Amino acid sequence: MYERTNYLAVGVFILLGTVVLLVVGFWVAEVGQTVPTTRYTVIFERNVNGLSEGSPVRYMGVDVGLITTIQLSRAEDKAIEVEIEVASSTPIDSGTYASLAYQGITGVAFINLAADPGEHVQLAVRAGQAYPIIRTRDVGIAALLSSGPGVLARVDTILDAAGLLLGEGNRSSATQILQNLEQVTGALAEERDALAGIPVRLNESLDKLQDTLDLAADITSEARPDLLAAMQNLRHTADNLANATGRLEQWLAENDAAVDSFLSGGVGETAALVTDTRAAIRELEKLVAKLQSNPSYLIYKPKLDPVAVPE
């Protein structure tokens, strides 16, 4: 009878403990579901190795959710659709971007969210999509890994070019260039003394140039008063010329009628006056010629031979 009582107590205790554990489990599950969440879609166009369902989603390093689904994209080729569930309080908008990050050196991947600075609008659901899409960006190690194939391709191209450069023909040309360079170096070594004297002559030339500049500065300073006086005289002359021009314009304006009368009637008489003047000059030239040949021509006239008149 005593042993049966013990077994009954143990059974009751186990039953009560199981009930308590179930109640606590349901309570914890309900508490965990009290935090509202929002789902988003992240589309990667690259390898997502190391990422798995249940991996954490972090916003600038803070855990805000987890990955629920990873599948191939049905709308785009060579793309991976990752659905994430994050706390609704997470500040996600059109400026938010997702990147693939790795935790430590173990290679465990997770999605890290960050945002561009400034104000941004809320994300909207696109046509054909169940959830808003967060754009992706490669940063850090992911950016380095994504650019690795391109870097390797460039290195391969450089190596090919180096192989062509080191071909048989180019090697002979490089040898010839080195020989020419050796000859030039030897010639320069022979002219070492002459080359050493170049800086000395250059310094002497610079000293002479400095002396010339100093002399020019002295001449300029000495000639500056004369230049100023000449500029003043030139300015005075320009002022006088301007005054004379003004007076001439005023005289022309006052004697406009007389000038027109002269131009209309006096120009023709001027031509006749010039003709008479030329004739008088010719007569005067003849008289001067006679005086030069016979200075007594004006006071004594030779007798003219009588003209014989035939009977």
Protein backbone atom coordinates (compact mmCIF):
# COMPACT_ATOMS: atom_id res chain seq x y z
CA MET A 1 0.00 0.00 0.00
CA TYR A 2 2.85 2.40 0.80
CA GLU A 3 4.67 1.78 -2.52
CA ARG A 4 1.48 2.33 -4.54
CA THR A 5 1.01 5.72 -2.88
CA ASN A 6 4.55 6.79 -3.91
CA TYR A 7 3.99 5.83 -7.55
CA LEU A 8 0.74 7.79 -7.61
CA ALA A 9 2.46 10.89 -6.20
CA VAL A 10 5.24 10.65 -8.74
CA GLY A 11 2.78 10.29 -11.59
CA VAL A 12 0.76 13.28 -10.40
CA PHE A 13 3.95 15.36 -10.08
CA ILE A 14 5.08 14.48 -13.60
CA LEU A 15 1.66 15.25 -15.03
CA LEU A 16 1.53 18.61 -13.28
CA GLY A 17 5.08 19.45 -14.46
CA THR A 18 4.15 18.58 -18.06
CA VAL A 19 1.08 20.78 -17.89
CA VAL A 20 3.13 23.66 -16.43
CA LEU A 21 5.76 23.32 -19.21
CA LEU A 22 3.06 23.34 -21.88
CA VAL A 23 1.45 26.42 -20.36
CA VAL A 24 4.79 28.22 -20.15
CA GLY A 25 5.61 27.25 -23.76
CA PHE A 26 2.31 28.58 -25.07
CA TRP A 27 2.76 31.77 -23.05
CA VAL A 28 6.25 32.35 -24.42
CA ALA A 29 5.01 31.71 -27.97
CA GLU A 30 2.19 34.21 -27.52
CA VAL A 31 4.62 36.78 -26.07
CA GLY A 32 6.94 36.29 -29.06
CA GLN A 33 4.07 36.87 -31.45
CA THR A 34 3.04 40.13 -29.82
CA VAL A 35 5.79 42.03 -31.74
CA PRO A 36 4.29 43.11 -35.09
CA THR A 37 6.37 42.21 -38.15
CA THR A 38 6.44 43.17 -41.83
CA ARG A 39 7.60 41.12 -44.78
CA TYR A 40 9.83 42.36 -47.59
CA THR A 41 11.49 40.84 -50.64
CA VAL A 42 15.18 41.20 -51.42
CA ILE A 43 16.37 40.21 -54.93
CA PHE A 44 20.05 39.29 -55.32
CA GLU A 45 21.60 39.00 -58.78
CA ARG A 46 24.68 37.21 -57.47
CA ASN A 47 25.72 34.15 -55.51
CA VAL A 48 24.20 34.01 -52.00
CA ASN A 49 26.41 31.19 -50.76
CA GLY A 50 26.26 30.90 -46.96
CA LEU A 51 22.77 32.39 -46.69
CA SER A 52 20.01 30.11 -45.40
CA GLU A 53 16.47 30.24 -44.06
CA GLY A 54 16.48 31.43 -40.47
CA SER A 55 19.63 33.54 -40.95
CA PRO A 56 19.40 36.87 -39.15
CA VAL A 57 18.46 40.19 -40.72
CA ARG A 58 20.17 43.19 -39.17
CA TYR A 59 19.62 46.89 -39.52
CA MET A 60 23.02 48.59 -39.22
CA GLY A 61 24.22 45.68 -37.07
CA VAL A 62 21.09 45.33 -34.87
CA ASP A 63 18.98 42.16 -35.16
CA VAL A 64 15.54 43.14 -36.48
CA GLY A 65 14.29 39.93 -38.09
CA LEU A 66 15.14 36.76 -39.98
CA ILE A 67 15.03 35.16 -43.43
CA THR A 68 11.88 33.13 -44.09
CA THR A 69 12.28 31.94 -47.70
CA ILE A 70 15.08 31.64 -50.29
CA GLN A 71 14.11 30.69 -53.83
CA LEU A 72 14.94 31.31 -57.48
CA SER A 73 13.22 34.34 -58.97
CA ARG A 74 10.29 33.57 -61.22
CA ALA A 75 10.31 36.98 -62.91
CA GLU A 76 14.03 37.42 -63.58
CA ASP A 77 16.68 35.01 -64.79
CA LYS A 78 19.79 34.43 -62.69
CA ALA A 79 18.26 36.13 -59.65
CA ILE A 80 17.52 34.95 -56.11
CA GLU A 81 14.42 36.08 -54.22
CA VAL A 82 14.86 36.24 -50.45
CA GLU A 83 11.84 36.97 -48.31
CA ILE A 84 12.58 38.50 -44.91
CA GLU A 85 10.43 39.22 -41.89
CA VAL A 86 11.47 42.21 -39.79
CA ALA A 87 9.95 44.20 -36.97
CA SER A 88 7.46 46.78 -38.22
CA SER A 89 9.23 49.45 -36.18
CA THR A 90 12.31 49.13 -38.40
CA PRO A 91 12.70 52.40 -40.42
CA ILE A 92 12.54 50.93 -43.93
CA ASP A 93 11.75 53.21 -46.91
CA SER A 94 12.86 53.81 -50.50
CA GLY A 95 16.30 54.87 -49.27
CA THR A 96 16.96 51.53 -47.56
CA TYR A 97 19.24 49.02 -49.26
CA ALA A 98 20.23 45.45 -48.40
CA SER A 99 23.68 43.91 -48.65
CA LEU A 100 25.08 40.46 -48.09
CA ALA A 101 27.43 40.37 -45.10
CA TYR A 102 29.47 37.66 -43.42
CA GLN A 103 29.85 37.05 -39.71
CA GLY A 104 33.46 36.61 -38.61
CA ILE A 105 35.63 34.13 -40.49
CA THR A 106 33.15 31.27 -40.37
CA GLY A 107 31.46 32.29 -43.60
CA VAL A 108 27.97 32.49 -42.02
CA ALA A 109 26.07 35.01 -44.12
CA PHE A 110 23.28 37.36 -43.12
CA ILE A 111 21.44 40.32 -44.62
CA ASN A 112 22.41 43.74 -43.37
CA LEU A 113 20.09 46.72 -43.96
CA ALA A 114 21.24 50.33 -44.16
CA ALA A 115 19.84 53.58 -45.53
CA ASP A 116 21.04 56.54 -47.58
CA PRO A 117 20.92 59.91 -45.78
CA GLY A 118 18.01 62.27 -46.37
CA GLU A 119 14.23 62.02 -46.55
CA HIS A 120 12.68 59.18 -48.58
CA VAL A 121 9.20 57.96 -49.43
CA GLN A 122 7.70 54.71 -48.21
CA LEU A 123 8.16 51.51 -50.19
CA ALA A 124 5.24 50.42 -52.38
CA VAL A 125 4.33 46.95 -53.60
CA ARG A 126 5.12 46.49 -57.30
CA ALA A 127 2.80 44.77 -59.71
CA GLY A 128 3.24 41.01 -59.59
CA GLN A 129 5.00 41.09 -56.20
CA ALA A 130 3.54 40.05 -52.87
CA TYR A 131 5.76 42.29 -50.74
CA PRO A 132 7.72 45.54 -51.19
CA ILE A 133 11.17 45.04 -52.73
CA ILE A 134 14.27 46.36 -50.98
CA ARG A 135 17.05 47.18 -53.43
CA THR A 136 20.46 45.58 -53.00
CA ARG A 137 23.98 46.97 -52.99
CA ASP A 138 27.37 45.28 -52.72
CA VAL A 139 29.49 46.69 -49.90
CA GLY A 140 32.56 45.54 -47.99
CA ILE A 141 33.73 41.99 -48.61
CA ALA A 142 30.74 41.29 -50.85
CA ALA A 143 31.72 44.14 -53.16
CA LEU A 144 35.29 42.81 -53.25
CA LEU A 145 34.08 39.30 -54.06
CA SER A 146 31.68 40.52 -56.75
CA SER A 147 34.41 42.54 -58.44
CA GLY A 148 36.89 39.65 -58.20
CA PRO A 149 36.07 38.09 -61.61
CA GLY A 150 36.47 41.44 -63.35
CA VAL A 151 39.80 42.03 -61.62
CA LEU A 152 41.00 38.57 -62.60
CA ALA A 153 39.96 39.21 -66.20
CA ARG A 154 41.94 42.45 -66.25
CA VAL A 155 44.97 40.70 -64.74
CA ASP A 156 44.69 38.01 -67.40
CA THR A 157 44.59 40.69 -70.12
CA ILE A 158 47.65 42.39 -68.62
CA LEU A 159 49.53 39.10 -68.53
CA ASP A 160 48.66 38.42 -72.17
CA ALA A 161 49.91 41.88 -73.11
CA ALA A 162 53.09 41.27 -71.10
CA GLY A 163 53.59 38.00 -72.97
CA LEU A 164 53.29 39.81 -76.31
CA LEU A 165 55.66 42.51 -75.06
CA LEU A 166 58.27 39.93 -74.11
CA GLY A 167 58.10 38.18 -77.49
CA GLU A 168 61.17 37.38 -79.56
CA GLY A 169 60.98 40.54 -81.71
CA ASN A 170 60.36 42.81 -78.75
CA ARG A 171 63.19 41.23 -76.78
CA SER A 172 65.67 42.03 -79.58
CA SER A 173 64.33 45.59 -79.73
CA ALA A 174 64.67 45.94 -75.96
CA THR A 175 68.25 44.65 -76.19
CA GLN A 176 69.04 47.24 -78.85
CA ILE A 177 67.50 49.97 -76.72
CA LEU A 178 69.61 48.93 -73.74
CA GLN A 179 72.74 48.97 -75.90
CA ASN A 180 71.91 52.46 -77.17
CA LEU A 181 71.26 53.57 -73.62
CA GLU A 182 74.63 52.19 -72.55
CA GLN A 183 76.33 54.11 -75.37
CA VAL A 184 74.59 57.33 -74.39
CA THR A 185 75.55 56.79 -70.75
CA GLY A 186 79.19 56.25 -71.75
CA ALA A 187 79.20 59.43 -73.84
CA LEU A 188 77.71 61.37 -70.93
CA ALA A 189 80.38 59.94 -68.63
CA GLU A 190 83.10 61.19 -71.00
CA GLU A 191 81.56 64.65 -70.99
CA ARG A 192 81.29 64.67 -67.20
CA ASP A 193 83.57 67.68 -66.77
CA ALA A 194 81.70 69.72 -69.38
CA LEU A 195 78.38 68.81 -67.81
CA ALA A 196 79.70 69.73 -64.37
CA GLY A 197 80.54 73.21 -65.65
CA ILE A 198 77.03 73.84 -66.95
CA PRO A 199 75.55 74.77 -63.52
CA VAL A 200 78.43 77.22 -62.94
CA ARG A 201 77.86 78.94 -66.28
CA LEU A 202 74.15 78.92 -65.65
CA ASN A 203 74.65 80.67 -62.31
CA GLU A 204 76.91 83.25 -63.97
CA SER A 205 74.27 83.86 -66.65
CA LEU A 206 71.62 84.26 -63.97
CA ASP A 207 73.83 86.76 -62.10
CA LYS A 208 74.32 88.79 -65.28
CA LEU A 209 70.61 88.68 -65.97
CA GLN A 210 69.93 89.90 -62.43
CA ASP A 211 72.41 92.76 -62.92
CA THR A 212 70.71 93.69 -66.17
CA LEU A 213 67.32 93.69 -64.48
CA ASP A 214 68.67 95.86 -61.65
CA LEU A 215 70.14 98.31 -64.21
CA ALA A 216 66.85 98.42 -66.08
CA ALA A 217 65.04 99.10 -62.80
CA ASP A 218 67.46 101.96 -62.02
CA ILE A 219 67.03 103.46 -65.49
CA THR A 220 63.26 103.20 -65.17
CA SER A 221 63.28 104.89 -61.76
CA GLU A 222 65.53 107.70 -63.09
CA ALA A 223 63.47 108.19 -66.24
CA ARG A 224 60.16 108.09 -64.40
CA PRO A 225 60.00 111.91 -63.77
CA ASP A 226 60.79 112.62 -67.44
CA LEU A 227 58.17 110.10 -68.48
CA LEU A 228 55.62 111.74 -66.21
CA ALA A 229 56.48 115.19 -67.64
CA ALA A 230 56.23 113.82 -71.18
CA MET A 231 52.86 112.30 -70.37
CA GLN A 232 51.69 115.64 -68.96
CA ASN A 233 52.92 117.48 -72.08
CA LEU A 234 51.22 114.90 -74.28
CA ARG A 235 48.01 115.33 -72.31
CA HIS A 236 48.33 119.14 -72.63
CA THR A 237 48.91 118.82 -76.39
CA ALA A 238 45.90 116.55 -76.71
CA ASP A 239 43.80 119.09 -74.82
CA ASN A 240 45.03 121.92 -77.12
CA LEU A 241 44.30 119.82 -80.19
CA ALA A 242 40.84 119.12 -78.87
CA ASN A 243 40.29 122.86 -78.31
CA ALA A 244 41.57 123.66 -81.80
CA THR A 245 39.29 121.04 -83.28
CA GLY A 246 36.36 122.52 -81.40
CA ARG A 247 37.19 126.00 -82.63
CA LEU A 248 37.54 124.77 -86.22
CA GLU A 249 34.16 123.10 -86.01
CA GLN A 250 32.68 126.31 -84.59
CA TRP A 251 34.28 128.42 -87.39
CA LEU A 252 33.01 126.04 -90.03
CA ALA A 253 29.56 126.21 -88.53
CA GLU A 254 29.63 130.04 -88.47
CA ASN A 255 31.03 130.38 -92.02
CA ASP A 256 29.16 127.52 -93.60
CA ALA A 257 27.47 129.82 -96.15
CA ALA A 258 30.74 131.57 -97.12
CA VAL A 259 32.53 128.24 -97.56
CA ASP A 260 29.72 126.94 -99.76
CA SER A 261 29.88 130.15 -101.85
CA PHE A 262 33.64 129.79 -102.23
CA LEU A 263 33.38 126.18 -103.25
CA SER A 264 30.60 126.88 -105.74
CA GLY A 265 31.99 130.08 -107.42
CA GLY A 266 35.58 130.44 -106.44
CA VAL A 267 36.87 127.02 -107.49
CA GLY A 268 36.50 127.82 -111.24
CA GLU A 269 38.24 131.22 -110.83
CA THR A 270 40.98 129.49 -108.90
CA ALA A 271 41.78 127.35 -111.95
CA ALA A 272 42.11 130.50 -114.17
CA LEU A 273 44.24 132.15 -111.47
CA VAL A 274 46.55 129.14 -111.46
CA THR A 275 46.88 129.32 -115.30
CA ASP A 276 47.74 133.05 -115.23
CA THR A 277 50.16 132.46 -112.40
CA ARG A 278 51.95 129.76 -114.39
CA ALA A 279 52.21 132.14 -117.46
CA ALA A 280 53.59 134.94 -115.27
CA ILE A 281 56.11 132.52 -113.79
CA ARG A 282 57.26 131.52 -117.28
CA GLU A 283 57.71 135.21 -118.29
CA LEU A 284 59.58 135.81 -115.06
CA GLU A 285 61.84 132.86 -115.79
CA LYS A 286 62.61 134.31 -119.25
CA LEU A 287 63.43 137.68 -117.71
CA VAL A 288 65.71 136.08 -115.14
CA ALA A 289 67.46 134.15 -117.90
CA LYS A 290 68.06 137.35 -119.88
CA LEU A 291 69.36 139.12 -116.81
CA GLN A 292 71.74 136.27 -116.13
CA SER A 293 73.11 136.45 -119.68
CA ASN A 294 73.07 140.30 -119.89
CA PRO A 295 72.79 142.05 -116.52
CA SER A 296 72.56 145.50 -118.24
CA TYR A 297 69.47 144.53 -120.07
CA LEU A 298 67.20 146.64 -117.86
CA ILE A 299 69.23 149.90 -118.18
CA TYR A 300 70.59 149.57 -121.66
CA LYS A 301 68.94 148.21 -124.68
CA PRO A 302 71.09 147.39 -127.72
CA LYS A 303 70.37 149.20 -130.94
CA LEU A 304 68.51 147.17 -133.35
CA ASP A 305 69.89 146.91 -136.84
CA PRO A 306 67.78 148.77 -139.34
CA VAL A 307 65.72 146.63 -141.47
CA ALA A 308 66.55 147.16 -145.15
CA VAL A 309 63.47 147.61 -147.16
CA PRO A 310 63.98 146.54 -150.70
CA GLU A 311 63.31 149.27 -153.33
